[in-house]
C-alpha atoms as a PDB file:
ATOM      1  CA  MET A   1       6.954 -24.979  18.786  1.00  0.00           C
ATOM      2  CA  SER A   2       5.083 -22.812  15.823  1.00  0.00           C
ATOM      3  CA  THR A   3       7.019 -21.429  13.077  1.00  0.00           C
ATOM      4  CA  PHE A   4       7.034 -17.527  13.220  1.00  0.00           C
ATOM      5  CA  THR A   5       6.371 -16.265   9.586  1.00  0.00           C
ATOM      6  CA  ILE A   6       5.079 -12.785   7.852  1.00  0.00           C
ATOM      7  CA  PRO A   7       3.627 -12.324   4.555  1.00  0.00           C
ATOM      8  CA  TYR A   8       6.250 -10.916   2.140  1.00  0.00           C
ATOM      9  CA  PRO A   9       4.629  -7.404   1.796  1.00  0.00           C
ATOM     10  CA  GLU A  10       4.991  -6.812   5.165  1.00  0.00           C
ATOM     11  CA  TYR A  11       8.568  -7.974   5.590  1.00  0.00           C
ATOM     12  CA  ASP A  12       9.633  -5.783   2.413  1.00  0.00           C
ATOM     13  CA  ILE A  13       8.002  -2.966   3.956  1.00  0.00           C
ATOM     14  CA  ALA A  14       9.999  -3.495   7.078  1.00  0.00           C
ATOM     15  CA  GLU A  15      13.003  -3.754   5.395  1.00  0.00           C
ATOM     16  CA  ILE A  16      12.110  -0.471   3.412  1.00  0.00           C
ATOM     17  CA  LEU A  17      11.516   1.150   6.880  1.00  0.00           C
ATOM     18  CA  GLN A  18      14.546  -0.021   8.472  1.00  0.00           C
ATOM     19  CA  LYS A  19      16.555   1.547   5.785  1.00  0.00           C
ATOM     20  CA  ARG A  20      14.998   4.919   5.888  1.00  0.00           C
ATOM     21  CA  PHE A  21      14.570   5.262   9.725  1.00  0.00           C
ATOM     22  CA  PRO A  22      17.756   3.502  10.631  1.00  0.00           C
ATOM     23  CA  LYS A  23      18.599   2.634  14.326  1.00  0.00           C
ATOM     24  CA  LYS A  24      21.412   5.128  14.673  1.00  0.00           C
ATOM     25  CA  GLU A  25      18.398   7.698  14.634  1.00  0.00           C
ATOM     26  CA  ASN A  26      16.651   5.451  17.489  1.00  0.00           C
ATOM     27  CA  TYR A  27      14.085   4.176  15.091  1.00  0.00           C
ATOM     28  CA  SER A  28      13.003   0.192  15.464  1.00  0.00           C
ATOM     29  CA  VAL A  29      10.192  -1.780  13.145  1.00  0.00           C
ATOM     30  CA  ALA A  30       8.397  -4.043  15.348  1.00  0.00           C
ATOM     31  CA  ILE A  31       6.049  -6.924  14.202  1.00  0.00           C
ATOM     32  CA  PRO A  32       3.460  -8.226  16.596  1.00  0.00           C
ATOM     33  CA  LEU A  33       4.242 -12.132  17.383  1.00  0.00           C
ATOM     34  CA  SER A  34       0.134 -12.646  16.497  1.00  0.00           C
ATOM     35  CA  ARG A  35      -0.863 -13.151  12.945  1.00  0.00           C
ATOM     36  CA  GLN A  36      -4.103 -12.352  14.024  1.00  0.00           C
ATOM     37  CA  GLN A  37      -3.312  -8.951  15.150  1.00  0.00           C
ATOM     38  CA  LYS A  38      -6.140  -6.399  14.507  1.00  0.00           C
ATOM     39  CA  TYR A  39      -5.737  -2.947  13.372  1.00  0.00           C
ATOM     40  CA  TYR A  40      -1.812  -3.143  12.376  1.00  0.00           C
ATOM     41  CA  ASP A  41       0.340  -5.157  10.996  1.00  0.00           C
ATOM     42  CA  LEU A  42       3.808  -3.006  11.672  1.00  0.00           C
ATOM     43  CA  LEU A  43       5.011  -0.721  14.489  1.00  0.00           C
ATOM     44  CA  LEU A  44       7.327   2.045  13.530  1.00  0.00           C
ATOM     45  CA  VAL A  45       9.049   3.395  16.845  1.00  0.00           C
ATOM     46  CA  LYS A  46      11.016   6.194  17.826  1.00  0.00           C
ATOM     47  CA  GLY A  47      13.004   5.095  21.027  1.00  0.00           C
ATOM     48  CA  GLU A  48      13.887   8.247  22.774  1.00  0.00           C
ATOM     49  CA  LYS A  49      10.505  10.220  22.201  1.00  0.00           C
ATOM     50  CA  ARG A  50       8.684   6.855  23.167  1.00  0.00           C
ATOM     51  CA  LYS A  51       6.150   7.319  20.032  1.00  0.00           C
ATOM     52  CA  THR A  52       4.901   4.593  17.913  1.00  0.00           C
ATOM     53  CA  VAL A  53       3.586   5.134  14.685  1.00  0.00           C
ATOM     54  CA  THR A  54       1.081   2.177  13.456  1.00  0.00           C
ATOM     55  CA  ILE A  55       0.866   0.643  10.164  1.00  0.00           C
ATOM     56  CA  GLN A  56      -1.746  -1.637   8.139  1.00  0.00           C
ATOM     57  CA  VAL A  57      -0.368  -3.359   5.209  1.00  0.00           C
ATOM     58  CA  LYS A  58      -2.901  -4.276   2.277  1.00  0.00           C
ATOM     59  CA  SER A  59      -1.474  -6.121  -0.512  1.00  0.00           C
ATOM     60  CA  SER A  60      -2.763  -6.691  -4.076  1.00  0.00           C
ATOM     61  CA  ARG A  61      -3.062  -9.171  -6.773  1.00  0.00           C
ATOM     62  CA  THR A  62      -2.036  -7.139 -10.099  1.00  0.00           C
ATOM     63  CA  TYR A  63      -2.867  -8.072 -13.739  1.00  0.00           C
ATOM     64  CA  LEU A  64      -1.941  -7.123 -16.983  1.00  0.00           C
ATOM     65  CA  SER A  65      -4.455  -5.274 -18.742  1.00  0.00           C
ATOM     66  CA  GLN A  66      -6.151  -7.643 -22.063  1.00  0.00           C
ATOM     67  CA  LYS A  67      -6.719  -4.795 -24.112  1.00  0.00           C
ATOM     68  CA  GLU A  68      -4.949  -1.964 -25.378  1.00  0.00           C
ATOM     69  CA  GLY A  69      -5.705   0.980 -23.049  1.00  0.00           C
ATOM     70  CA  GLU A  70      -4.661   3.739 -20.615  1.00  0.00           C
ATOM     71  CA  TYR A  71      -2.804   1.369 -18.156  1.00  0.00           C
ATOM     72  CA  ARG A  72      -0.744  -2.029 -18.405  1.00  0.00           C
ATOM     73  CA  TYR A  73      -1.186  -2.828 -14.678  1.00  0.00           C
ATOM     74  CA  TYR A  74      -4.355  -3.267 -12.699  1.00  0.00           C
ATOM     75  CA  SER A  75      -4.287  -3.712  -8.582  1.00  0.00           C
ATOM     76  CA  TRP A  76      -7.012  -5.333  -7.184  1.00  0.00           C
ATOM     77  CA  PHE A  77      -7.787  -4.794  -3.686  1.00  0.00           C
ATOM     78  CA  ASN A  78     -10.793  -6.368  -1.391  1.00  0.00           C
ATOM     79  CA  TYR A  79     -12.672  -3.503   0.039  1.00  0.00           C
ATOM     80  CA  PHE A  80     -11.939  -3.011   3.752  1.00  0.00           C
ATOM     81  CA  ASP A  81     -13.678  -1.217   6.502  1.00  0.00           C
ATOM     82  CA  ILE A  82     -12.400   1.381   8.780  1.00  0.00           C
ATOM     83  CA  LYS A  83     -14.665   2.004  11.544  1.00  0.00           C
ATOM     84  CA  ASN A  84     -11.958   2.787  14.324  1.00  0.00           C
ATOM     85  CA  ASN A  85      -9.167   4.464  12.976  1.00  0.00           C
ATOM     86  CA  TYR A  86      -6.545   2.471  14.671  1.00  0.00           C
ATOM     87  CA  SER A  87      -3.475   2.564  12.117  1.00  0.00           C
ATOM     88  CA  ASP A  88      -1.769   5.709  11.376  1.00  0.00           C
ATOM     89  CA  PHE A  89      -0.691   4.725   7.858  1.00  0.00           C
ATOM     90  CA  TYR A  90      -2.015   1.924   5.505  1.00  0.00           C
ATOM     91  CA  PHE A  91       0.111   1.000   2.823  1.00  0.00           C
ATOM     92  CA  LEU A  92      -1.038  -0.473  -0.226  1.00  0.00           C
ATOM     93  CA  TYR A  93       1.416  -2.645  -1.817  1.00  0.00           C
ATOM     94  CA  MET A  94       1.212  -3.451  -5.483  1.00  0.00           C
ATOM     95  CA  THR A  95       3.800  -6.275  -7.128  1.00  0.00           C
ATOM     96  CA  TYR A  96       3.948  -6.229 -10.854  1.00  0.00           C
ATOM     97  CA  PRO A  97       6.153  -8.105 -13.421  1.00  0.00           C
ATOM     98  CA  LEU A  98       8.806  -6.583 -15.541  1.00  0.00           C
ATOM     99  CA  PHE A  99       8.862  -7.491 -19.195  1.00  0.00           C
ATOM    100  CA  ASP A 100      11.947  -7.106 -21.575  1.00  0.00           C
ATOM    101  CA  LYS A 101      11.163  -4.830 -24.957  1.00  0.00           C
ATOM    102  CA  ASN A 102      12.044  -7.687 -27.043  1.00  0.00           C
ATOM    103  CA  TYR A 103       9.602  -9.868 -25.420  1.00  0.00           C
ATOM    104  CA  LYS A 104      12.313 -12.324 -23.993  1.00  0.00           C
ATOM    105  CA  PRO A 105      10.923 -13.979 -20.459  1.00  0.00           C
ATOM    106  CA  LYS A 106      12.524 -12.228 -17.507  1.00  0.00           C
ATOM    107  CA  ALA A 107      12.086 -13.065 -13.690  1.00  0.00           C
ATOM    108  CA  LYS A 108      11.959  -9.764 -12.706  1.00  0.00           C
ATOM    109  CA  TRP A 109       9.412  -8.074 -10.459  1.00  0.00           C
ATOM    110  CA  SER A 110       8.937  -4.593  -9.060  1.00  0.00           C
ATOM    111  CA  THR A 111       6.401  -2.834  -6.769  1.00  0.00           C
ATOM    112  CA  LYS A 112       4.533   0.426  -6.227  1.00  0.00           C
ATOM    113  CA  ILE A 113       3.607   1.155  -2.935  1.00  0.00           C
ATOM    114  CA  LEU A 114       1.205   3.812  -1.965  1.00  0.00           C
ATOM    115  CA  VAL A 115       0.758   5.190   1.841  1.00  0.00           C
ATOM    116  CA  PHE A 116      -2.247   7.117   2.856  1.00  0.00           C
ATOM    117  CA  THR A 117      -2.649   8.533   6.486  1.00  0.00           C
ATOM    118  CA  GLY A 118      -5.894   6.839   8.184  1.00  0.00           C
ATOM    119  CA  ASN A 119      -7.993   9.765   7.341  1.00  0.00           C
ATOM    120  CA  GLU A 120      -6.932   9.774   3.639  1.00  0.00           C
ATOM    121  CA  MET A 121      -7.722   5.878   3.325  1.00  0.00           C
ATOM    122  CA  LYS A 122     -10.723   6.346   5.018  1.00  0.00           C
ATOM    123  CA  LYS A 123     -11.594   9.014   2.672  1.00  0.00           C
ATOM    124  CA  LEU A 124     -10.461   6.847  -0.450  1.00  0.00           C
ATOM    125  CA  LEU A 125     -12.665   3.928   0.777  1.00  0.00           C
ATOM    126  CA  ASP A 126     -15.713   5.968   1.361  1.00  0.00           C
ATOM    127  CA  ASN A 127     -15.526   6.993  -2.579  1.00  0.00           C
ATOM    128  CA  VAL A 128     -15.428   3.520  -3.699  1.00  0.00           C
ATOM    129  CA  LYS A 129     -18.621   2.767  -5.114  1.00  0.00           C
ATOM    130  CA  THR A 130     -20.375   1.230  -7.827  1.00  0.00           C
ATOM    131  CA  LYS A 131     -21.880   3.190 -10.667  1.00  0.00           C
ATOM    132  CA  GLU A 132     -25.014   2.765  -9.184  1.00  0.00           C
ATOM    133  CA  GLY A 133     -23.815   4.430  -6.227  1.00  0.00           C
ATOM    134  CA  LYS A 134     -23.592   1.269  -3.831  1.00  0.00           C
ATOM    135  CA  GLN A 135     -20.783  -0.192  -2.170  1.00  0.00           C
ATOM    136  CA  GLU A 136     -18.151  -1.629  -4.071  1.00  0.00           C
ATOM    137  CA  ARG A 137     -16.437  -4.896  -2.980  1.00  0.00           C
ATOM    138  CA  PHE A 138     -13.179  -4.360  -4.563  1.00  0.00           C
ATOM    139  CA  PHE A 139     -11.345  -1.422  -5.596  1.00  0.00           C
ATOM    140  CA  SER A 140      -8.585  -1.419  -8.562  1.00  0.00           C
ATOM    141  CA  LEU A 141      -5.565   1.141  -9.238  1.00  0.00           C
ATOM    142  CA  GLY A 142      -4.152   1.320 -12.749  1.00  0.00           C
ATOM    143  CA  PHE A 143      -0.803   2.362 -13.834  1.00  0.00           C
ATOM    144  CA  ASN A 144       1.983   1.839 -15.793  1.00  0.00           C
ATOM    145  CA  GLU A 145       5.905   1.232 -14.796  1.00  0.00           C
ATOM    146  CA  GLN A 146       6.337   4.954 -15.180  1.00  0.00           C
ATOM    147  CA  GLY A 147       4.011   7.683 -14.631  1.00  0.00           C
ATOM    148  CA  GLU A 148       0.568   8.129 -12.801  1.00  0.00           C
ATOM    149  CA  ILE A 149      -1.642   5.653 -10.461  1.00  0.00           C
ATOM    150  CA  CYS A 150      -5.258   6.241 -10.949  1.00  0.00           C
ATOM    151  CA  GLY A 151      -8.471   4.786  -9.353  1.00  0.00           C
ATOM    152  CA  ALA A 152     -10.031   2.537 -11.717  1.00  0.00           C
ATOM    153  CA  ARG A 153     -12.504   0.018 -10.476  1.00  0.00           C
ATOM    154  CA  GLY A 154     -14.680   1.223  -7.923  1.00  0.00           C
ATOM    155  CA  PHE A 155     -13.814   4.924  -8.723  1.00  0.00           C
ATOM    156  CA  SER A 156     -15.617   5.168 -12.499  1.00  0.00           C
ATOM    157  CA  HIS A 157     -18.221   7.588 -10.637  1.00  0.00           C
ATOM    158  CA  LEU A 158     -15.773   9.861 -10.134  1.00  0.00           C
ATOM    159  CA  GLN A 159     -13.178  12.343 -12.096  1.00  0.00           C
ATOM    160  CA  LYS A 160      -9.719  10.722 -12.666  1.00  0.00           C
ATOM    161  CA  LYS A 161      -7.721  11.155  -9.988  1.00  0.00           C
ATOM    162  CA  ASP A 162      -3.875  10.715  -9.862  1.00  0.00           C
ATOM    163  CA  TYR A 163      -2.690   9.109  -6.455  1.00  0.00           C
ATOM    164  CA  SER A 164       1.173   9.210  -7.483  1.00  0.00           C
ATOM    165  CA  LYS A 165       1.702  11.585  -5.029  1.00  0.00           C
ATOM    166  CA  TYR A 166       1.241   9.030  -2.293  1.00  0.00           C
ATOM    167  CA  LEU A 167       4.022   6.436  -3.409  1.00  0.00           C
ATOM    168  CA  LEU A 168       6.034   5.896  -0.707  1.00  0.00           C
ATOM    169  CA  GLU A 169       9.067   7.674  -1.657  1.00  0.00           C
ATOM    170  CA  ASN A 170       7.065  10.766  -1.557  1.00  0.00           C
ATOM    171  CA  MET A 171       5.687   9.907   1.998  1.00  0.00           C
ATOM    172  CA  PHE A 172       8.784   9.426   4.322  1.00  0.00           C
ATOM    173  CA  GLU A 173       8.898  12.812   5.244  1.00  0.00           C
ATOM    174  CA  VAL A 174       4.917  12.698   6.331  1.00  0.00           C
ATOM    175  CA  ILE A 175       5.821   9.804   8.352  1.00  0.00           C
ATOM    176  CA  ARG A 176       8.725  11.132   9.949  1.00  0.00           C
ATOM    177  CA  LYS A 177       6.721  14.112  10.906  1.00  0.00           C
ATOM    178  CA  LYS A 178       4.148  11.691  12.740  1.00  0.00           C
ATOM    179  CA  PHE A 179       7.113  11.814  15.515  1.00  0.00           C
END
């Protein structure tokens, strides 16, 4: 018998979705039993309508900036290709440490979760390029605890773009309308 586990970002997002899309409204969050499932990590199901939304979760390492600058944190995502747009939504999950203003060690963490439709994610990924215009292998988003989230690595050839409108708390209605 094997043990079934899922990565924490998927678990956390499933829990958030269960709270915002409750069973009393006939919603359910489903997780594929195969961890090698291609194209989606979670399903959000609306029972009586027999409708399903597919979700792919991408999680990032997050680094503290080593130099004084615009952002305190930088995510680090591997570039991924979307040939056939099988997922309705892509969730970019970023965990980062919180620090006490008096520099006392704290074991607190916070998250930023960006949500893009399949077409929005494809457009974002199509813009991930090196300064020479070649496909970049990684991309990064810069952010602070409060405020904007902007493209960093992979986006230097573009004008600064704020992705804050894609924060999960701003996207629940977009997800709901998919049903």
